[in-house]
Amino acid sequence: MGIGKLFLTSISSGVITQEDLKWIANNQLNFSRCEKTTASRLGQLVDSGQIQLGCRL
């Protein structure tokens, strides 16, 4: 899974999982500039409460 797909999945469901966050943390050094911006935006959405930490069914 790439950061783009992860971003879109999280936006549409309103949920991001612990595994997704772990994947971002483990791969962030390999991200392009655009991917870093996407990850940062995802973090802002989590911080603001628009995306919740949880699990997808």
Protein backbone atom coordinates (compact mmCIF):
# COMPACT_ATOMS: atom_id res chain seq x y z
CA MET A 1 0.00 0.00 0.00
CA GLY A 2 1.23 3.49 -0.76
CA ILE A 3 0.69 6.68 1.19
CA GLY A 4 -1.74 7.96 -1.45
CA LYS A 5 -4.03 4.96 -1.16
CA LEU A 6 -3.72 5.05 2.63
CA PHE A 7 -4.65 8.74 2.63
CA LEU A 8 -7.72 8.20 0.45
CA THR A 9 -8.84 5.19 2.48
CA SER A 10 -8.49 7.12 5.73
CA ILE A 11 -10.33 10.15 4.36
CA SER A 12 -13.23 8.06 3.07
CA SER A 13 -13.59 5.92 6.21
CA GLY A 14 -12.59 8.54 8.78
CA VAL A 15 -10.35 5.94 10.46
CA ILE A 16 -6.64 5.15 10.47
CA THR A 17 -5.25 2.03 12.13
CA GLN A 18 -2.22 1.53 14.36
CA GLU A 19 -0.70 -0.63 11.62
CA ASP A 20 -1.11 2.19 9.10
CA LEU A 21 0.62 4.64 11.43
CA LYS A 22 3.40 2.11 12.05
CA TRP A 23 3.86 1.68 8.31
CA ILE A 24 4.12 5.46 7.83
CA ALA A 25 6.68 5.75 10.63
CA ASN A 26 8.79 2.89 9.25
CA ASN A 27 8.77 4.18 5.67
CA GLN A 28 8.86 7.96 6.07
CA LEU A 29 12.59 8.20 5.28
CA ASN A 30 11.89 6.74 1.82
CA PHE A 31 9.02 9.11 0.97
CA SER A 32 9.25 11.60 -1.85
CA ARG A 33 8.54 15.26 -1.15
CA CYS A 34 4.93 14.82 -2.25
CA GLU A 35 4.49 11.73 -0.08
CA LYS A 36 5.92 13.60 2.93
CA THR A 37 3.35 16.35 2.38
CA THR A 38 0.56 13.76 2.20
CA ALA A 39 1.74 12.11 5.42
CA SER A 40 1.91 15.51 7.11
CA ARG A 41 -1.64 16.32 6.01
CA LEU A 42 -2.82 12.97 7.31
CA GLY A 43 -1.22 13.76 10.67
CA GLN A 44 -2.96 17.14 10.78
CA LEU A 45 -6.31 15.46 10.16
CA VAL A 46 -5.68 13.00 12.99
CA ASP A 47 -4.59 15.84 15.31
CA SER A 48 -7.72 17.84 14.50
CA GLY A 49 -10.00 14.85 15.14
CA GLN A 50 -11.27 14.57 11.59
CA ILE A 51 -9.70 11.11 11.30
CA GLN A 52 -9.99 8.77 14.28
CA LEU A 53 -7.53 6.15 15.42
CA GLY A 54 -9.26 2.78 15.35
CA CYS A 55 -9.89 -0.24 13.20
CA ARG A 56 -11.66 -0.84 9.91
CA LEU A 57 -14.12 -3.71 9.59
